[in-house]
All heavy atoms as atom14 arrays in JSON, in Angstrom:
{
  "sequence": "KTYTEEDLREKFKMYGDIEYCSIIKNKTTGESKGLGYVRYLK",
  "atom14_mask": [
    [1, 1, 1, 1, 1, 1, 1, 1, 1, 0, 0, 0, 0, 0],
    [1, 1, 1, 1, 1, 1, 1, 0, 0, 0, 0, 0, 0, 0],
    [1, 1, 1, 1, 1, 1, 1, 1, 1, 1, 1, 1, 0, 0],
    [1, 1, 1, 1, 1, 1, 1, 0, 0, 0, 0, 0, 0, 0],
    [1, 1, 1, 1, 1, 1, 1, 1, 1, 0, 0, 0, 0, 0],
    [1, 1, 1, 1, 1, 1, 1, 1, 1, 0, 0, 0, 0, 0],
    [1, 1, 1, 1, 1, 1, 1, 1, 0, 0, 0, 0, 0, 0],
    [1, 1, 1, 1, 1, 1, 1, 1, 0, 0, 0, 0, 0, 0],
    [1, 1, 1, 1, 1, 1, 1, 1, 1, 1, 1, 0, 0, 0],
    [1, 1, 1, 1, 1, 1, 1, 1, 1, 0, 0, 0, 0, 0],
    [1, 1, 1, 1, 1, 1, 1, 1, 1, 0, 0, 0, 0, 0],
    [1, 1, 1, 1, 1, 1, 1, 1, 1, 1, 1, 0, 0, 0],
    [1, 1, 1, 1, 1, 1, 1, 1, 1, 0, 0, 0, 0, 0],
    [1, 1, 1, 1, 1, 1, 1, 1, 0, 0, 0, 0, 0, 0],
    [1, 1, 1, 1, 1, 1, 1, 1, 1, 1, 1, 1, 0, 0],
    [1, 1, 1, 1, 0, 0, 0, 0, 0, 0, 0, 0, 0, 0],
    [1, 1, 1, 1, 1, 1, 1, 1, 0, 0, 0, 0, 0, 0],
    [1, 1, 1, 1, 1, 1, 1, 1, 0, 0, 0, 0, 0, 0],
    [1, 1, 1, 1, 1, 1, 1, 1, 1, 0, 0, 0, 0, 0],
    [1, 1, 1, 1, 1, 1, 1, 1, 1, 1, 1, 1, 0, 0],
    [1, 1, 1, 1, 1, 1, 0, 0, 0, 0, 0, 0, 0, 0],
    [1, 1, 1, 1, 1, 1, 0, 0, 0, 0, 0, 0, 0, 0],
    [1, 1, 1, 1, 1, 1, 1, 1, 0, 0, 0, 0, 0, 0],
    [1, 1, 1, 1, 1, 1, 1, 1, 0, 0, 0, 0, 0, 0],
    [1, 1, 1, 1, 1, 1, 1, 1, 1, 0, 0, 0, 0, 0],
    [1, 1, 1, 1, 1, 1, 1, 1, 0, 0, 0, 0, 0, 0],
    [1, 1, 1, 1, 1, 1, 1, 1, 1, 0, 0, 0, 0, 0],
    [1, 1, 1, 1, 1, 1, 1, 0, 0, 0, 0, 0, 0, 0],
    [1, 1, 1, 1, 1, 1, 1, 0, 0, 0, 0, 0, 0, 0],
    [1, 1, 1, 1, 0, 0, 0, 0, 0, 0, 0, 0, 0, 0],
    [1, 1, 1, 1, 1, 1, 1, 1, 1, 0, 0, 0, 0, 0],
    [1, 1, 1, 1, 1, 1, 0, 0, 0, 0, 0, 0, 0, 0],
    [1, 1, 1, 1, 1, 1, 1, 1, 1, 0, 0, 0, 0, 0],
    [1, 1, 1, 1, 0, 0, 0, 0, 0, 0, 0, 0, 0, 0],
    [1, 1, 1, 1, 1, 1, 1, 1, 0, 0, 0, 0, 0, 0],
    [1, 1, 1, 1, 0, 0, 0, 0, 0, 0, 0, 0, 0, 0],
    [1, 1, 1, 1, 1, 1, 1, 1, 1, 1, 1, 1, 0, 0],
    [1, 1, 1, 1, 1, 1, 1, 0, 0, 0, 0, 0, 0, 0],
    [1, 1, 1, 1, 1, 1, 1, 1, 1, 1, 1, 0, 0, 0],
    [1, 1, 1, 1, 1, 1, 1, 1, 1, 1, 1, 1, 0, 0],
    [1, 1, 1, 1, 1, 1, 1, 1, 0, 0, 0, 0, 0, 0],
    [1, 1, 1, 1, 1, 1, 1, 1, 1, 0, 0, 0, 0, 0]
  ],
  "atom14_positions": [
    [[-128.86, 176.52, -76.52], [-128.33, 175.15, -76.81], [-126.96, 175.18, -77.09], [-126.19, 174.15, -77.18], [-129.12, 174.61, -78.09], [-130.64, 174.13, -77.64], [-131.28, 173.42, -78.79], [-132.7, 172.98, -78.34], [-133.42, 172.12, -79.39], [0.0, 0.0, 0.0], [0.0, 0.0, 0.0], [0.0, 0.0, 0.0], [0.0, 0.0, 0.0], [0.0, 0.0, 0.0]],
    [[-126.34, 176.43, -77.39], [-124.94, 176.55, -77.69], [-124.11, 176.64, -76.34], [-122.83, 176.53, -76.42], [-124.67, 177.86, -78.36], [-125.26, 179.03, -77.67], [-125.34, 177.77, -79.73], [0.0, 0.0, 0.0], [0.0, 0.0, 0.0], [0.0, 0.0, 0.0], [0.0, 0.0, 0.0], [0.0, 0.0, 0.0], [0.0, 0.0, 0.0], [0.0, 0.0, 0.0]],
    [[-124.73, 176.66, -75.18], [-124.03, 176.75, -73.91], [-123.24, 175.49, -73.63], [-123.66, 174.35, -73.83], [-124.92, 176.97, -72.75], [-125.16, 178.34, -72.34], [-125.14, 179.42, -73.29], [-125.43, 178.85, -71.08], [-125.29, 180.82, -72.92], [-125.57, 180.14, -70.67], [-125.5, 181.13, -71.71], [-125.67, 182.3, -71.33], [0.0, 0.0, 0.0], [0.0, 0.0, 0.0]],
    [[-121.97, 175.62, -73.11], [-121.23, 174.5, -72.57], [-121.38, 174.48, -71.07], [-121.9, 175.51, -70.53], [-119.67, 174.67, -72.9], [-119.21, 175.87, -72.22], [-119.53, 174.78, -74.36], [0.0, 0.0, 0.0], [0.0, 0.0, 0.0], [0.0, 0.0, 0.0], [0.0, 0.0, 0.0], [0.0, 0.0, 0.0], [0.0, 0.0, 0.0], [0.0, 0.0, 0.0]],
    [[-120.83, 173.48, -70.42], [-120.91, 173.44, -68.88], [-120.11, 174.74, -68.33], [-120.42, 175.32, -67.36], [-120.4, 172.19, -68.42], [-121.31, 171.07, -68.65], [-120.93, 169.69, -68.07], [-119.88, 169.69, -67.32], [-121.54, 168.73, -68.23], [0.0, 0.0, 0.0], [0.0, 0.0, 0.0], [0.0, 0.0, 0.0], [0.0, 0.0, 0.0], [0.0, 0.0, 0.0]],
    [[-119.0, 175.07, -69.08], [-118.21, 176.14, -68.54], [-119.01, 177.48, -68.7], [-118.87, 178.41, -67.85], [-116.89, 176.28, -69.38], [-115.97, 177.31, -68.81], [-115.6, 177.01, -67.33], [-115.42, 175.77, -67.02], [-115.44, 178.03, -66.48], [0.0, 0.0, 0.0], [0.0, 0.0, 0.0], [0.0, 0.0, 0.0], [0.0, 0.0, 0.0], [0.0, 0.0, 0.0]],
    [[-119.78, 177.63, -69.79], [-120.69, 178.9, -69.89], [-121.72, 178.86, -68.74], [-121.94, 180.0, -68.19], [-121.3, 178.8, -71.33], [-120.42, 178.9, -72.44], [-119.44, 179.56, -72.34], [-120.73, 178.31, -73.5], [0.0, 0.0, 0.0], [0.0, 0.0, 0.0], [0.0, 0.0, 0.0], [0.0, 0.0, 0.0], [0.0, 0.0, 0.0], [0.0, 0.0, 0.0]],
    [[-122.36, 177.76, -68.48], [-123.3, 177.68, -67.45], [-122.71, 178.02, -66.13], [-123.35, 178.8, -65.31], [-123.88, 176.32, -67.42], [-125.07, 175.95, -66.38], [-126.14, 176.89, -66.74], [-125.48, 174.62, -66.54], [0.0, 0.0, 0.0], [0.0, 0.0, 0.0], [0.0, 0.0, 0.0], [0.0, 0.0, 0.0], [0.0, 0.0, 0.0], [0.0, 0.0, 0.0]],
    [[-121.51, 177.49, -65.76], [-120.88, 177.8, -64.58], [-120.51, 179.35, -64.47], [-120.65, 179.99, -63.38], [-119.65, 177.03, -64.42], [-118.78, 177.25, -63.13], [-117.44, 176.42, -63.05], [-117.75, 174.98, -63.06], [-118.03, 174.3, -61.78], [-117.91, 175.0, -60.78], [-118.23, 173.06, -61.78], [0.0, 0.0, 0.0], [0.0, 0.0, 0.0], [0.0, 0.0, 0.0]],
    [[-120.01, 179.84, -65.56], [-119.64, 181.31, -65.61], [-120.94, 182.29, -65.34], [-120.71, 183.25, -64.64], [-119.09, 181.71, -66.98], [-118.47, 183.01, -67.13], [-117.19, 183.19, -66.22], [-116.54, 182.23, -65.94], [-116.97, 184.35, -65.83], [0.0, 0.0, 0.0], [0.0, 0.0, 0.0], [0.0, 0.0, 0.0], [0.0, 0.0, 0.0], [0.0, 0.0, 0.0]],
    [[-122.09, 181.8, -65.78], [-123.26, 182.61, -65.63], [-123.75, 182.66, -64.19], [-124.37, 183.54, -63.68], [-124.33, 182.13, -66.6], [-124.18, 182.56, -67.98], [-124.36, 184.12, -68.17], [-124.34, 184.48, -69.64], [-124.44, 185.98, -69.74], [0.0, 0.0, 0.0], [0.0, 0.0, 0.0], [0.0, 0.0, 0.0], [0.0, 0.0, 0.0], [0.0, 0.0, 0.0]],
    [[-123.55, 181.44, -63.5], [-124.2, 181.3, -62.18], [-123.18, 181.35, -60.98], [-123.66, 181.22, -59.88], [-125.01, 179.97, -62.2], [-126.24, 180.04, -62.93], [-126.39, 179.92, -64.28], [-127.48, 180.51, -62.19], [-127.62, 180.01, -64.92], [-128.61, 180.58, -62.91], [-128.74, 180.33, -64.24], [0.0, 0.0, 0.0], [0.0, 0.0, 0.0], [0.0, 0.0, 0.0]],
    [[-121.96, 181.42, -61.37], [-120.92, 181.41, -60.21], [-121.0, 182.65, -59.32], [-120.67, 182.67, -58.11], [-119.56, 181.31, -60.68], [-118.96, 182.48, -61.45], [-117.56, 182.21, -62.01], [-117.01, 183.45, -62.7], [-115.67, 183.2, -63.23], [0.0, 0.0, 0.0], [0.0, 0.0, 0.0], [0.0, 0.0, 0.0], [0.0, 0.0, 0.0], [0.0, 0.0, 0.0]],
    [[-121.64, 183.71, -59.86], [-121.72, 185.01, -59.02], [-122.66, 184.82, -57.78], [-122.7, 185.57, -56.87], [-122.21, 186.07, -59.91], [-123.66, 186.01, -60.36], [-124.12, 187.4, -61.47], [-123.32, 186.98, -62.88], [0.0, 0.0, 0.0], [0.0, 0.0, 0.0], [0.0, 0.0, 0.0], [0.0, 0.0, 0.0], [0.0, 0.0, 0.0], [0.0, 0.0, 0.0]],
    [[-123.55, 183.82, -57.77], [-124.58, 183.54, -56.69], [-123.96, 182.78, -55.59], [-124.63, 182.64, -54.55], [-125.82, 183.09, -57.32], [-126.31, 183.88, -58.39], [-126.46, 183.42, -59.7], [-126.72, 185.2, -58.42], [-126.85, 184.09, -60.86], [-127.18, 185.91, -59.38], [-127.25, 185.34, -60.65], [-127.69, 186.12, -61.75], [0.0, 0.0, 0.0], [0.0, 0.0, 0.0]],
    [[-122.88, 182.07, -55.79], [-122.36, 181.18, -54.71], [-121.3, 180.16, -55.24], [-121.01, 180.13, -56.47], [0.0, 0.0, 0.0], [0.0, 0.0, 0.0], [0.0, 0.0, 0.0], [0.0, 0.0, 0.0], [0.0, 0.0, 0.0], [0.0, 0.0, 0.0], [0.0, 0.0, 0.0], [0.0, 0.0, 0.0], [0.0, 0.0, 0.0], [0.0, 0.0, 0.0]],
    [[-121.03, 179.3, -54.28], [-120.01, 178.25, -54.67], [-120.71, 177.0, -55.35], [-121.58, 176.49, -54.75], [-119.32, 177.7, -53.39], [-118.64, 178.89, -52.66], [-117.88, 179.65, -53.33], [-118.64, 178.98, -51.42], [0.0, 0.0, 0.0], [0.0, 0.0, 0.0], [0.0, 0.0, 0.0], [0.0, 0.0, 0.0], [0.0, 0.0, 0.0], [0.0, 0.0, 0.0]],
    [[-120.27, 176.8, -56.56], [-121.01, 175.76, -57.39], [-120.31, 174.33, -57.19], [-119.03, 174.32, -57.31], [-120.97, 176.18, -58.83], [-121.88, 177.38, -59.07], [-121.41, 174.93, -59.74], [-121.82, 177.87, -60.49], [0.0, 0.0, 0.0], [0.0, 0.0, 0.0], [0.0, 0.0, 0.0], [0.0, 0.0, 0.0], [0.0, 0.0, 0.0], [0.0, 0.0, 0.0]],
    [[-121.09, 173.38, -56.83], [-120.5, 172.04, -56.7], [-120.3, 171.43, -57.94], [-119.26, 170.81, -58.34], [-121.34, 171.22, -55.77], [-120.81, 169.77, -55.48], [-121.65, 169.13, -54.43], [-122.08, 169.73, -53.41], [-121.82, 167.88, -54.63], [0.0, 0.0, 0.0], [0.0, 0.0, 0.0], [0.0, 0.0, 0.0], [0.0, 0.0, 0.0], [0.0, 0.0, 0.0]],
    [[-121.35, 171.54, -58.9], [-121.22, 171.03, -60.32], [-122.28, 171.62, -61.15], [-123.32, 172.04, -60.6], [-121.3, 169.58, -60.3], [-122.69, 168.9, -59.97], [-123.66, 168.87, -60.82], [-122.83, 168.31, -58.72], [-124.96, 168.4, -60.56], [-124.16, 167.74, -58.42], [-125.16, 167.77, -59.3], [-126.31, 167.17, -58.98], [0.0, 0.0, 0.0], [0.0, 0.0, 0.0]],
    [[-121.93, 171.57, -62.51], [-122.98, 171.96, -63.49], [-123.07, 170.77, -64.47], [-122.09, 170.03, -64.67], [-122.53, 173.26, -64.31], [-122.38, 174.73, -63.34], [0.0, 0.0, 0.0], [0.0, 0.0, 0.0], [0.0, 0.0, 0.0], [0.0, 0.0, 0.0], [0.0, 0.0, 0.0], [0.0, 0.0, 0.0], [0.0, 0.0, 0.0], [0.0, 0.0, 0.0]],
    [[-124.24, 170.62, -64.99], [-124.43, 169.56, -66.07], [-125.5, 170.12, -67.04], [-126.52, 170.77, -66.74], [-124.87, 168.27, -65.41], [-126.01, 168.35, -64.83], [0.0, 0.0, 0.0], [0.0, 0.0, 0.0], [0.0, 0.0, 0.0], [0.0, 0.0, 0.0], [0.0, 0.0, 0.0], [0.0, 0.0, 0.0], [0.0, 0.0, 0.0], [0.0, 0.0, 0.0]],
    [[-125.27, 169.75, -68.35], [-126.17, 170.01, -69.35], [-126.87, 168.87, -69.89], [-126.23, 167.8, -70.03], [-125.41, 170.7, -70.51], [-124.87, 172.04, -70.11], [-126.36, 170.89, -71.86], [-124.15, 172.81, -71.09], [0.0, 0.0, 0.0], [0.0, 0.0, 0.0], [0.0, 0.0, 0.0], [0.0, 0.0, 0.0], [0.0, 0.0, 0.0], [0.0, 0.0, 0.0]],
    [[-128.15, 168.76, -70.01], [-128.89, 167.74, -70.49], [-128.88, 167.52, -72.02], [-129.09, 168.47, -72.73], [-130.44, 167.83, -70.04], [-130.44, 167.87, -68.48], [-131.3, 166.71, -70.57], [-131.74, 168.47, -67.93], [0.0, 0.0, 0.0], [0.0, 0.0, 0.0], [0.0, 0.0, 0.0], [0.0, 0.0, 0.0], [0.0, 0.0, 0.0], [0.0, 0.0, 0.0]],
    [[-128.42, 166.44, -72.46], [-128.14, 166.19, -73.89], [-129.07, 165.08, -74.49], [-129.45, 164.14, -73.79], [-126.73, 165.82, -74.14], [-125.73, 167.0, -73.71], [-124.36, 166.6, -73.96], [-123.39, 167.79, -73.63], [-121.99, 167.49, -73.85], [0.0, 0.0, 0.0], [0.0, 0.0, 0.0], [0.0, 0.0, 0.0], [0.0, 0.0, 0.0], [0.0, 0.0, 0.0]],
    [[-129.35, 165.25, -75.73], [-130.09, 164.16, -76.4], [-129.21, 162.97, -76.43], [-128.03, 162.94, -76.88], [-130.45, 164.59, -77.87], [-131.31, 163.67, -78.61], [-130.85, 162.41, -78.82], [-132.49, 164.09, -79.14], [0.0, 0.0, 0.0], [0.0, 0.0, 0.0], [0.0, 0.0, 0.0], [0.0, 0.0, 0.0], [0.0, 0.0, 0.0], [0.0, 0.0, 0.0]],
    [[-129.83, 161.74, -76.04], [-129.04, 160.58, -75.88], [-128.62, 160.02, -77.16], [-127.68, 159.23, -77.28], [-129.87, 159.49, -75.1], [-130.12, 159.81, -73.69], [-130.89, 158.76, -73.01], [-131.24, 159.12, -71.56], [-132.07, 158.18, -70.87], [0.0, 0.0, 0.0], [0.0, 0.0, 0.0], [0.0, 0.0, 0.0], [0.0, 0.0, 0.0], [0.0, 0.0, 0.0]],
    [[-129.39, 160.34, -78.3], [-128.9, 159.88, -79.61], [-127.93, 160.6, -80.28], [-126.95, 160.22, -80.88], [-130.34, 159.69, -80.43], [-131.28, 158.9, -79.75], [-130.04, 159.04, -81.81], [0.0, 0.0, 0.0], [0.0, 0.0, 0.0], [0.0, 0.0, 0.0], [0.0, 0.0, 0.0], [0.0, 0.0, 0.0], [0.0, 0.0, 0.0], [0.0, 0.0, 0.0]],
    [[-128.26, 162.04, -80.33], [-127.45, 162.86, -81.13], [-126.18, 163.53, -80.22], [-125.31, 164.07, -80.93], [-128.19, 163.95, -81.7], [-128.78, 164.8, -80.68], [-129.36, 163.39, -82.57], [0.0, 0.0, 0.0], [0.0, 0.0, 0.0], [0.0, 0.0, 0.0], [0.0, 0.0, 0.0], [0.0, 0.0, 0.0], [0.0, 0.0, 0.0], [0.0, 0.0, 0.0]],
    [[-126.42, 163.59, -79.02], [-125.38, 164.25, -78.1], [-125.6, 165.69, -78.13], [-124.75, 166.38, -77.47], [0.0, 0.0, 0.0], [0.0, 0.0, 0.0], [0.0, 0.0, 0.0], [0.0, 0.0, 0.0], [0.0, 0.0, 0.0], [0.0, 0.0, 0.0], [0.0, 0.0, 0.0], [0.0, 0.0, 0.0], [0.0, 0.0, 0.0], [0.0, 0.0, 0.0]],
    [[-126.55, 166.28, -78.77], [-126.79, 167.67, -78.75], [-127.54, 168.24, -77.49], [-128.26, 167.36, -76.9], [-127.65, 168.07, -79.92], [-127.01, 167.89, -81.33], [-127.81, 168.24, -82.53], [-128.97, 168.55, -82.33], [-127.3, 168.25, -83.6], [0.0, 0.0, 0.0], [0.0, 0.0, 0.0], [0.0, 0.0, 0.0], [0.0, 0.0, 0.0], [0.0, 0.0, 0.0]],
    [[-127.29, 169.43, -77.05], [-127.83, 169.93, -75.89], [-129.32, 170.11, -76.09], [-129.8, 170.37, -77.2], [-127.23, 171.28, -75.59], [-127.98, 171.97, -74.49], [0.0, 0.0, 0.0], [0.0, 0.0, 0.0], [0.0, 0.0, 0.0], [0.0, 0.0, 0.0], [0.0, 0.0, 0.0], [0.0, 0.0, 0.0], [0.0, 0.0, 0.0], [0.0, 0.0, 0.0]],
    [[-130.07, 169.84, -75.0], [-131.62, 170.01, -75.11], [-131.92, 171.47, -74.61], [-133.13, 171.86, -74.73], [-132.27, 169.1, -74.17], [-132.36, 167.61, -74.61], [-133.19, 166.77, -73.7], [-133.27, 165.35, -74.25], [-134.21, 164.5, -73.37], [0.0, 0.0, 0.0], [0.0, 0.0, 0.0], [0.0, 0.0, 0.0], [0.0, 0.0, 0.0], [0.0, 0.0, 0.0]],
    [[-130.9, 172.27, -74.29], [-131.22, 173.63, -73.88], [-131.75, 173.71, -72.4], [-132.37, 174.58, -71.95], [0.0, 0.0, 0.0], [0.0, 0.0, 0.0], [0.0, 0.0, 0.0], [0.0, 0.0, 0.0], [0.0, 0.0, 0.0], [0.0, 0.0, 0.0], [0.0, 0.0, 0.0], [0.0, 0.0, 0.0], [0.0, 0.0, 0.0], [0.0, 0.0, 0.0]],
    [[-131.36, 172.71, -71.65], [-131.67, 172.55, -70.34], [-130.45, 172.11, -69.41], [-129.65, 171.43, -69.92], [-132.77, 171.59, -70.05], [-134.09, 171.87, -70.73], [-135.03, 170.63, -70.67], [-134.89, 173.02, -70.2], [0.0, 0.0, 0.0], [0.0, 0.0, 0.0], [0.0, 0.0, 0.0], [0.0, 0.0, 0.0], [0.0, 0.0, 0.0], [0.0, 0.0, 0.0]],
    [[-130.35, 172.52, -68.15], [-129.24, 172.16, -67.33], [-129.46, 172.2, -65.92], [-130.53, 172.75, -65.41], [0.0, 0.0, 0.0], [0.0, 0.0, 0.0], [0.0, 0.0, 0.0], [0.0, 0.0, 0.0], [0.0, 0.0, 0.0], [0.0, 0.0, 0.0], [0.0, 0.0, 0.0], [0.0, 0.0, 0.0], [0.0, 0.0, 0.0], [0.0, 0.0, 0.0]],
    [[-128.56, 171.6, -65.1], [-128.69, 171.73, -63.61], [-127.4, 172.46, -63.09], [-126.35, 172.41, -63.7], [-128.59, 170.31, -63.09], [-129.75, 169.45, -63.33], [-129.78, 168.5, -64.36], [-130.92, 169.51, -62.49], [-130.87, 167.72, -64.53], [-132.05, 168.73, -62.69], [-131.9, 167.8, -63.69], [-133.1, 167.01, -63.94], [0.0, 0.0, 0.0], [0.0, 0.0, 0.0]],
    [[-127.61, 173.23, -62.03], [-126.53, 173.89, -61.25], [-126.76, 173.43, -59.77], [-127.79, 173.69, -59.27], [-126.56, 175.27, -61.41], [-125.42, 175.97, -60.62], [-126.43, 175.67, -62.95], [0.0, 0.0, 0.0], [0.0, 0.0, 0.0], [0.0, 0.0, 0.0], [0.0, 0.0, 0.0], [0.0, 0.0, 0.0], [0.0, 0.0, 0.0], [0.0, 0.0, 0.0]],
    [[-125.77, 172.84, -59.2], [-125.83, 172.61, -57.69], [-124.87, 173.45, -56.92], [-123.59, 173.42, -57.29], [-125.57, 171.04, -57.49], [-125.75, 170.8, -55.97], [-125.71, 169.33, -55.62], [-126.04, 169.22, -54.2], [-126.07, 168.11, -53.5], [-125.83, 166.95, -54.24], [-126.27, 167.95, -52.22], [0.0, 0.0, 0.0], [0.0, 0.0, 0.0], [0.0, 0.0, 0.0]],
    [[-125.42, 174.02, -55.97], [-124.71, 174.9, -55.04], [-124.31, 174.2, -53.85], [-124.82, 173.12, -53.46], [-125.36, 176.28, -54.67], [-125.4, 177.08, -55.9], [-126.61, 177.11, -56.77], [-124.45, 178.08, -56.18], [-126.74, 177.95, -57.81], [-124.62, 178.9, -57.25], [-125.68, 178.89, -58.03], [-125.82, 179.71, -59.16], [0.0, 0.0, 0.0], [0.0, 0.0, 0.0]],
    [[-123.32, 174.77, -53.03], [-122.99, 174.19, -51.72], [-123.91, 174.41, -50.66], [-124.13, 173.69, -49.7], [-121.54, 174.63, -51.33], [-120.42, 174.08, -52.18], [-119.11, 174.68, -51.73], [-120.31, 172.66, -52.32], [0.0, 0.0, 0.0], [0.0, 0.0, 0.0], [0.0, 0.0, 0.0], [0.0, 0.0, 0.0], [0.0, 0.0, 0.0], [0.0, 0.0, 0.0]],
    [[-124.64, 175.55, -50.7], [-125.58, 176.02, -49.7], [-127.01, 176.26, -50.27], [-127.13, 176.81, -51.44], [-125.13, 177.28, -49.01], [-123.74, 177.16, -48.28], [-123.34, 178.43, -47.62], [-121.95, 178.31, -46.98], [-121.52, 179.55, -46.35], [0.0, 0.0, 0.0], [0.0, 0.0, 0.0], [0.0, 0.0, 0.0], [0.0, 0.0, 0.0], [0.0, 0.0, 0.0]]
  ]
}
């Protein structure tokens, strides 16, 4: 839950070209839910 989008990108950029990363957050508190998306180009 401490990960930022930059942390997520850093962990997964070794596997290919990343189009975007996003972290799912609680709509009320704005805190991370500990889940995220990574989209690659291929």
